[in-house]
Amino acid sequence: MISKDNTIIKDAIILLIITLVAGLVLGGVYSVTKDPIANIERQVTADAYAKVYPDGKLVEDNKDLLEALKNFSADDADAAVDDVYSVNDGEGFVFKCHAKGYGGPVNLALGIKTDGTILGLSVISADSETPGLGAKCTTDEFQSQFAGVQLASSTITINQDYQQISGATITSKAVMRAINASLKFMAENSGN
C-alpha cells in the first residue's frame, strides 16, 4: 500500500510537470506572436498618424523632440505624451498620447498645426472603456468633431471646443486631458 507521504510527493511532482509544460507552451506562444503583434501595433499607429495629419510628411530626425519628451511633464498625472513628430518641417506636430479613462488608458493620435488648428484625432485604443458608452470615443462621429477646431487658447475644453459623449464623462475628459498634454508639449517645444 502506498503511504500518504508518497502520494503527496507524487501529486506534487505531477503538478510541477504540468506547470512546467504549461509554462513552456505559453512562453513559446508568446515568442511566436510577439513580433507580429508589435508589427500590427506599429502599423495601426502609422495609419493613425496618416489619418490625423493628411498630406503630412513626418520629420524622421526628431531627436530634439524626443529629448524634450524625456524631460516633459504634463500638468495632469493621468495624461502623457508617448511619442511626437514634427510634420512638414515644423508646420505642425503629430502626437501619440494617452490619458486614464474609465476602465484604462485611452490612447490616441493627434495632428495639430503650430497655429492651434487641430487637423485630426484618432483613438488608437480604448479597449477597457464601457461598450456603448465610453467606447463611443472610437466612432468617426466623435473623432471627426475635432478636425478643423481652431483653439483660442493652449487648452481644449469640453462643450466649448467639442461635445462630450453622453454618459461617458470620464472618457470624454480622458480625451481632453491627453490633448491638453500634447498642447502643453507643443507650446513648450514649438521651436524644436
C-alpha atoms as a PDB file:
ATOM      1  CA  MET A   1       0.000   0.000   0.000  1.00  0.00           C
ATOM      2  CA  ILE A   2       1.246   3.483  -0.871  1.00  0.00           C
ATOM      3  CA  SER A   3       1.797   5.734   2.073  1.00  0.00           C
ATOM      4  CA  LYS A   4       0.168   9.141   2.339  1.00  0.00           C
ATOM      5  CA  ASP A   5       3.567  10.904   2.164  1.00  0.00           C
ATOM      6  CA  ASN A   6       4.408   9.170  -1.129  1.00  0.00           C
ATOM      7  CA  THR A   7       1.037  10.201  -2.602  1.00  0.00           C
ATOM      8  CA  ILE A   8       1.631  13.839  -1.692  1.00  0.00           C
ATOM      9  CA  ILE A   9       5.103  13.771  -3.254  1.00  0.00           C
ATOM     10  CA  LYS A  10       3.791  12.018  -6.383  1.00  0.00           C
ATOM     11  CA  ASP A  11       0.958  14.575  -6.738  1.00  0.00           C
ATOM     12  CA  ALA A  12       3.397  17.460  -6.233  1.00  0.00           C
ATOM     13  CA  ILE A  13       5.723  16.100  -8.940  1.00  0.00           C
ATOM     14  CA  ILE A  14       2.813  15.655 -11.376  1.00  0.00           C
ATOM     15  CA  LEU A  15       1.614  19.198 -10.670  1.00  0.00           C
ATOM     16  CA  LEU A  16       5.156  20.521 -11.158  1.00  0.00           C
ATOM     17  CA  ILE A  17       5.472  18.751 -14.531  1.00  0.00           C
ATOM     18  CA  ILE A  18       2.083  20.075 -15.701  1.00  0.00           C
ATOM     19  CA  THR A  19       3.047  23.604 -14.617  1.00  0.00           C
ATOM     20  CA  LEU A  20       6.405  23.411 -16.411  1.00  0.00           C
ATOM     21  CA  VAL A  21       4.799  22.136 -19.633  1.00  0.00           C
ATOM     22  CA  ALA A  22       2.112  24.848 -19.496  1.00  0.00           C
ATOM     23  CA  GLY A  23       4.773  27.498 -18.855  1.00  0.00           C
ATOM     24  CA  LEU A  24       6.859  26.304 -21.795  1.00  0.00           C
ATOM     25  CA  VAL A  25       3.811  26.294 -24.088  1.00  0.00           C
ATOM     26  CA  LEU A  26       2.831  29.822 -23.010  1.00  0.00           C
ATOM     27  CA  GLY A  27       6.411  31.023 -23.445  1.00  0.00           C
ATOM     28  CA  GLY A  28       6.515  29.506 -26.923  1.00  0.00           C
ATOM     29  CA  VAL A  29       3.228  31.108 -27.933  1.00  0.00           C
ATOM     30  CA  TYR A  30       4.462  34.472 -26.642  1.00  0.00           C
ATOM     31  CA  SER A  31       7.733  34.267 -28.575  1.00  0.00           C
ATOM     32  CA  VAL A  32       5.901  33.314 -31.783  1.00  0.00           C
ATOM     33  CA  THR A  33       3.259  36.071 -31.504  1.00  0.00           C
ATOM     34  CA  LYS A  34       5.382  38.890 -30.020  1.00  0.00           C
ATOM     35  CA  ASP A  35       6.792  40.231 -33.298  1.00  0.00           C
ATOM     36  CA  PRO A  36       3.568  40.008 -35.356  1.00  0.00           C
ATOM     37  CA  ILE A  37       1.655  41.834 -32.612  1.00  0.00           C
ATOM     38  CA  ALA A  38       4.333  44.561 -32.430  1.00  0.00           C
ATOM     39  CA  ASN A  39       4.203  44.940 -36.234  1.00  0.00           C
ATOM     40  CA  ILE A  40       0.422  45.306 -36.170  1.00  0.00           C
ATOM     41  CA  GLU A  41       0.639  47.900 -33.381  1.00  0.00           C
ATOM     42  CA  ARG A  42       3.218  49.883 -35.389  1.00  0.00           C
ATOM     43  CA  GLN A  43       1.006  49.745 -38.490  1.00  0.00           C
ATOM     44  CA  VAL A  44      -2.090  50.863 -36.541  1.00  0.00           C
ATOM     45  CA  THR A  45      -0.107  53.798 -35.146  1.00  0.00           C
ATOM     46  CA  ALA A  46       1.280  54.718 -38.591  1.00  0.00           C
ATOM     47  CA  ASP A  47      -2.245  54.598 -40.054  1.00  0.00           C
ATOM     48  CA  ALA A  48      -3.497  56.829 -37.231  1.00  0.00           C
ATOM     49  CA  TYR A  49      -0.679  59.327 -37.870  1.00  0.00           C
ATOM     50  CA  ALA A  50      -1.598  59.461 -41.570  1.00  0.00           C
ATOM     51  CA  LYS A  51      -5.260  59.980 -40.675  1.00  0.00           C
ATOM     52  CA  VAL A  52      -4.692  62.853 -38.236  1.00  0.00           C
ATOM     53  CA  TYR A  53      -2.330  64.845 -40.446  1.00  0.00           C
ATOM     54  CA  PRO A  54      -3.398  64.265 -44.052  1.00  0.00           C
ATOM     55  CA  ASP A  55      -0.658  65.065 -46.576  1.00  0.00           C
ATOM     56  CA  GLY A  56       1.779  65.493 -43.708  1.00  0.00           C
ATOM     57  CA  LYS A  57       5.364  64.328 -44.009  1.00  0.00           C
ATOM     58  CA  LEU A  58       6.779  63.212 -40.676  1.00  0.00           C
ATOM     59  CA  VAL A  59      10.264  64.503 -39.979  1.00  0.00           C
ATOM     60  CA  GLU A  60      12.075  61.275 -39.119  1.00  0.00           C
ATOM     61  CA  ASP A  61      15.032  63.049 -37.489  1.00  0.00           C
ATOM     62  CA  ASN A  62      13.186  64.077 -34.349  1.00  0.00           C
ATOM     63  CA  LYS A  63      15.979  63.591 -31.799  1.00  0.00           C
ATOM     64  CA  ASP A  64      15.465  67.067 -30.325  1.00  0.00           C
ATOM     65  CA  LEU A  65      11.756  66.426 -29.792  1.00  0.00           C
ATOM     66  CA  LEU A  66      12.382  63.004 -28.276  1.00  0.00           C
ATOM     67  CA  GLU A  67      14.946  64.518 -25.913  1.00  0.00           C
ATOM     68  CA  ALA A  68      12.430  67.205 -24.927  1.00  0.00           C
ATOM     69  CA  LEU A  69       9.815  64.477 -24.445  1.00  0.00           C
ATOM     70  CA  LYS A  70      12.066  62.682 -21.939  1.00  0.00           C
ATOM     71  CA  ASN A  71      12.098  65.829 -19.792  1.00  0.00           C
ATOM     72  CA  PHE A  72       8.441  66.747 -20.347  1.00  0.00           C
ATOM     73  CA  SER A  73       5.905  66.616 -17.560  1.00  0.00           C
ATOM     74  CA  ALA A  74       2.212  67.102 -18.243  1.00  0.00           C
ATOM     75  CA  ASP A  75       0.220  69.091 -15.695  1.00  0.00           C
ATOM     76  CA  ASP A  76      -2.026  66.045 -15.283  1.00  0.00           C
ATOM     77  CA  ALA A  77      -0.532  62.928 -13.677  1.00  0.00           C
ATOM     78  CA  ASP A  78      -3.052  60.742 -15.554  1.00  0.00           C
ATOM     79  CA  ALA A  79      -2.075  62.034 -19.022  1.00  0.00           C
ATOM     80  CA  ALA A  80       1.110  61.738 -21.037  1.00  0.00           C
ATOM     81  CA  VAL A  81       2.654  62.276 -24.441  1.00  0.00           C
ATOM     82  CA  ASP A  82       4.177  58.992 -25.627  1.00  0.00           C
ATOM     83  CA  ASP A  83       5.639  59.999 -28.994  1.00  0.00           C
ATOM     84  CA  VAL A  84       5.912  63.119 -31.139  1.00  0.00           C
ATOM     85  CA  TYR A  85       6.949  64.005 -34.676  1.00  0.00           C
ATOM     86  CA  SER A  86       7.388  67.332 -36.370  1.00  0.00           C
ATOM     87  CA  VAL A  87       5.442  67.497 -39.622  1.00  0.00           C
ATOM     88  CA  ASN A  88       6.282  69.294 -42.870  1.00  0.00           C
ATOM     89  CA  ASP A  89       9.435  70.894 -41.453  1.00  0.00           C
ATOM     90  CA  GLY A  90       7.811  72.468 -38.411  1.00  0.00           C
ATOM     91  CA  GLU A  91       4.331  73.250 -39.773  1.00  0.00           C
ATOM     92  CA  GLY A  92       2.792  71.117 -37.055  1.00  0.00           C
ATOM     93  CA  PHE A  93       3.072  68.032 -34.892  1.00  0.00           C
ATOM     94  CA  VAL A  94       1.733  64.511 -34.722  1.00  0.00           C
ATOM     95  CA  PHE A  95       1.386  63.178 -31.193  1.00  0.00           C
ATOM     96  CA  LYS A  96       0.745  59.782 -29.718  1.00  0.00           C
ATOM     97  CA  CYS A  97      -0.676  60.419 -26.260  1.00  0.00           C
ATOM     98  CA  HIS A  98      -2.873  58.825 -23.638  1.00  0.00           C
ATOM     99  CA  ALA A  99      -4.852  59.558 -20.510  1.00  0.00           C
ATOM    100  CA  LYS A 100      -6.553  57.398 -17.925  1.00  0.00           C
ATOM    101  CA  GLY A 101     -10.131  56.676 -18.912  1.00  0.00           C
ATOM    102  CA  TYR A 102     -12.892  54.873 -17.051  1.00  0.00           C
ATOM    103  CA  GLY A 103     -11.505  51.373 -17.476  1.00  0.00           C
ATOM    104  CA  GLY A 104      -7.928  52.002 -18.536  1.00  0.00           C
ATOM    105  CA  PRO A 105      -5.858  54.150 -20.857  1.00  0.00           C
ATOM    106  CA  VAL A 106      -7.369  55.926 -23.858  1.00  0.00           C
ATOM    107  CA  ASN A 107      -4.586  56.054 -26.469  1.00  0.00           C
ATOM    108  CA  LEU A 108      -4.882  58.497 -29.323  1.00  0.00           C
ATOM    109  CA  ALA A 109      -3.062  60.159 -32.177  1.00  0.00           C
ATOM    110  CA  LEU A 110      -3.420  63.894 -32.661  1.00  0.00           C
ATOM    111  CA  GLY A 111      -2.426  66.085 -35.589  1.00  0.00           C
ATOM    112  CA  ILE A 112      -2.161  69.792 -34.880  1.00  0.00           C
ATOM    113  CA  LYS A 113      -0.660  72.796 -36.631  1.00  0.00           C
ATOM    114  CA  THR A 114       1.506  75.218 -34.693  1.00  0.00           C
ATOM    115  CA  ASP A 115      -1.224  77.866 -35.073  1.00  0.00           C
ATOM    116  CA  GLY A 116      -3.504  75.738 -32.870  1.00  0.00           C
ATOM    117  CA  THR A 117      -5.634  74.147 -35.590  1.00  0.00           C
ATOM    118  CA  ILE A 118      -6.426  70.524 -34.882  1.00  0.00           C
ATOM    119  CA  LEU A 119      -6.278  68.596 -38.142  1.00  0.00           C
ATOM    120  CA  GLY A 120      -7.459  65.306 -36.764  1.00  0.00           C
ATOM    121  CA  LEU A 121      -7.808  62.949 -33.853  1.00  0.00           C
ATOM    122  CA  SER A 122      -7.789  59.168 -33.987  1.00  0.00           C
ATOM    123  CA  VAL A 123      -8.385  56.943 -30.983  1.00  0.00           C
ATOM    124  CA  ILE A 124      -5.843  54.153 -31.345  1.00  0.00           C
ATOM    125  CA  SER A 125      -7.258  52.108 -28.490  1.00  0.00           C
ATOM    126  CA  ALA A 126      -9.802  52.419 -25.735  1.00  0.00           C
ATOM    127  CA  ASP A 127     -10.208  48.719 -25.091  1.00  0.00           C
ATOM    128  CA  SER A 128     -11.282  48.986 -21.463  1.00  0.00           C
ATOM    129  CA  GLU A 129     -13.955  51.641 -21.915  1.00  0.00           C
ATOM    130  CA  THR A 130     -17.586  50.668 -21.367  1.00  0.00           C
ATOM    131  CA  PRO A 131     -19.209  49.299 -24.548  1.00  0.00           C
ATOM    132  CA  GLY A 132     -21.994  51.593 -25.738  1.00  0.00           C
ATOM    133  CA  LEU A 133     -20.745  54.494 -23.610  1.00  0.00           C
ATOM    134  CA  GLY A 134     -17.037  55.324 -23.352  1.00  0.00           C
ATOM    135  CA  ALA A 135     -16.214  53.060 -26.287  1.00  0.00           C
ATOM    136  CA  LYS A 136     -18.076  55.581 -28.478  1.00  0.00           C
ATOM    137  CA  CYS A 137     -14.854  57.593 -28.458  1.00  0.00           C
ATOM    138  CA  THR A 138     -13.669  55.246 -31.217  1.00  0.00           C
ATOM    139  CA  THR A 139     -16.505  56.263 -33.566  1.00  0.00           C
ATOM    140  CA  ASP A 140     -15.976  58.570 -36.531  1.00  0.00           C
ATOM    141  CA  GLU A 141     -18.810  60.750 -35.225  1.00  0.00           C
ATOM    142  CA  PHE A 142     -16.873  61.553 -32.050  1.00  0.00           C
ATOM    143  CA  GLN A 143     -13.418  61.789 -33.625  1.00  0.00           C
ATOM    144  CA  SER A 144     -14.423  63.888 -36.641  1.00  0.00           C
ATOM    145  CA  GLN A 145     -15.651  66.785 -34.485  1.00  0.00           C
ATOM    146  CA  PHE A 146     -12.025  67.676 -33.691  1.00  0.00           C
ATOM    147  CA  ALA A 147     -10.929  68.202 -37.305  1.00  0.00           C
ATOM    148  CA  GLY A 148     -10.619  71.904 -38.060  1.00  0.00           C
ATOM    149  CA  VAL A 149     -11.067  73.093 -34.474  1.00  0.00           C
ATOM    150  CA  GLN A 150      -9.116  76.328 -34.032  1.00  0.00           C
ATOM    151  CA  LEU A 151      -8.151  76.644 -30.385  1.00  0.00           C
ATOM    152  CA  ALA A 152      -8.380  80.087 -28.847  1.00  0.00           C
ATOM    153  CA  SER A 153      -6.058  79.053 -26.013  1.00  0.00           C
ATOM    154  CA  SER A 154      -3.481  76.388 -25.311  1.00  0.00           C
ATOM    155  CA  THR A 155      -6.090  74.067 -23.819  1.00  0.00           C
ATOM    156  CA  ILE A 156      -9.190  72.343 -25.111  1.00  0.00           C
ATOM    157  CA  THR A 157     -12.438  72.432 -23.161  1.00  0.00           C
ATOM    158  CA  ILE A 158     -15.400  70.045 -23.163  1.00  0.00           C
ATOM    159  CA  ASN A 159     -18.648  71.529 -24.534  1.00  0.00           C
ATOM    160  CA  GLN A 160     -16.755  74.591 -25.746  1.00  0.00           C
ATOM    161  CA  ASP A 161     -14.362  73.062 -28.273  1.00  0.00           C
ATOM    162  CA  TYR A 162     -16.024  69.642 -28.574  1.00  0.00           C
ATOM    163  CA  GLN A 163     -19.075  67.731 -27.358  1.00  0.00           C
ATOM    164  CA  GLN A 164     -18.581  65.045 -24.763  1.00  0.00           C
ATOM    165  CA  ILE A 165     -20.008  61.564 -25.062  1.00  0.00           C
ATOM    166  CA  SER A 166     -23.324  61.431 -23.223  1.00  0.00           C
ATOM    167  CA  GLY A 167     -22.983  59.154 -20.198  1.00  0.00           C
ATOM    168  CA  ALA A 168     -19.211  58.866 -20.582  1.00  0.00           C
ATOM    169  CA  THR A 169     -17.816  61.924 -18.857  1.00  0.00           C
ATOM    170  CA  ILE A 170     -14.658  60.163 -17.664  1.00  0.00           C
ATOM    171  CA  THR A 171     -13.747  59.002 -21.172  1.00  0.00           C
ATOM    172  CA  SER A 172     -14.512  62.435 -22.639  1.00  0.00           C
ATOM    173  CA  LYS A 173     -12.279  64.048 -20.035  1.00  0.00           C
ATOM    174  CA  ALA A 174      -9.537  61.496 -20.759  1.00  0.00           C
ATOM    175  CA  VAL A 175      -9.512  62.607 -24.401  1.00  0.00           C
ATOM    176  CA  MET A 176      -9.384  66.250 -23.256  1.00  0.00           C
ATOM    177  CA  ARG A 177      -6.504  65.568 -20.842  1.00  0.00           C
ATOM    178  CA  ALA A 178      -4.480  63.718 -23.493  1.00  0.00           C
ATOM    179  CA  ILE A 179      -4.987  66.572 -25.966  1.00  0.00           C
ATOM    180  CA  ASN A 180      -4.072  69.166 -23.337  1.00  0.00           C
ATOM    181  CA  ALA A 181      -0.850  67.287 -22.508  1.00  0.00           C
ATOM    182  CA  SER A 182       0.042  67.407 -26.216  1.00  0.00           C
ATOM    183  CA  LEU A 183      -0.827  71.106 -26.436  1.00  0.00           C
ATOM    184  CA  LYS A 184       1.389  71.852 -23.445  1.00  0.00           C
ATOM    185  CA  PHE A 185       4.267  69.981 -25.060  1.00  0.00           C
ATOM    186  CA  MET A 186       3.714  71.872 -28.318  1.00  0.00           C
ATOM    187  CA  ALA A 187       3.656  75.238 -26.524  1.00  0.00           C
ATOM    188  CA  GLU A 188       6.944  74.435 -24.790  1.00  0.00           C
ATOM    189  CA  ASN A 189       8.689  72.985 -27.858  1.00  0.00           C
ATOM    190  CA  SER A 190       7.416  74.718 -30.994  1.00  0.00           C
ATOM    191  CA  GLY A 191      10.941  75.862 -31.831  1.00  0.00           C
ATOM    192  CA  ASN A 192      12.468  72.342 -31.937  1.00  0.00           C
END
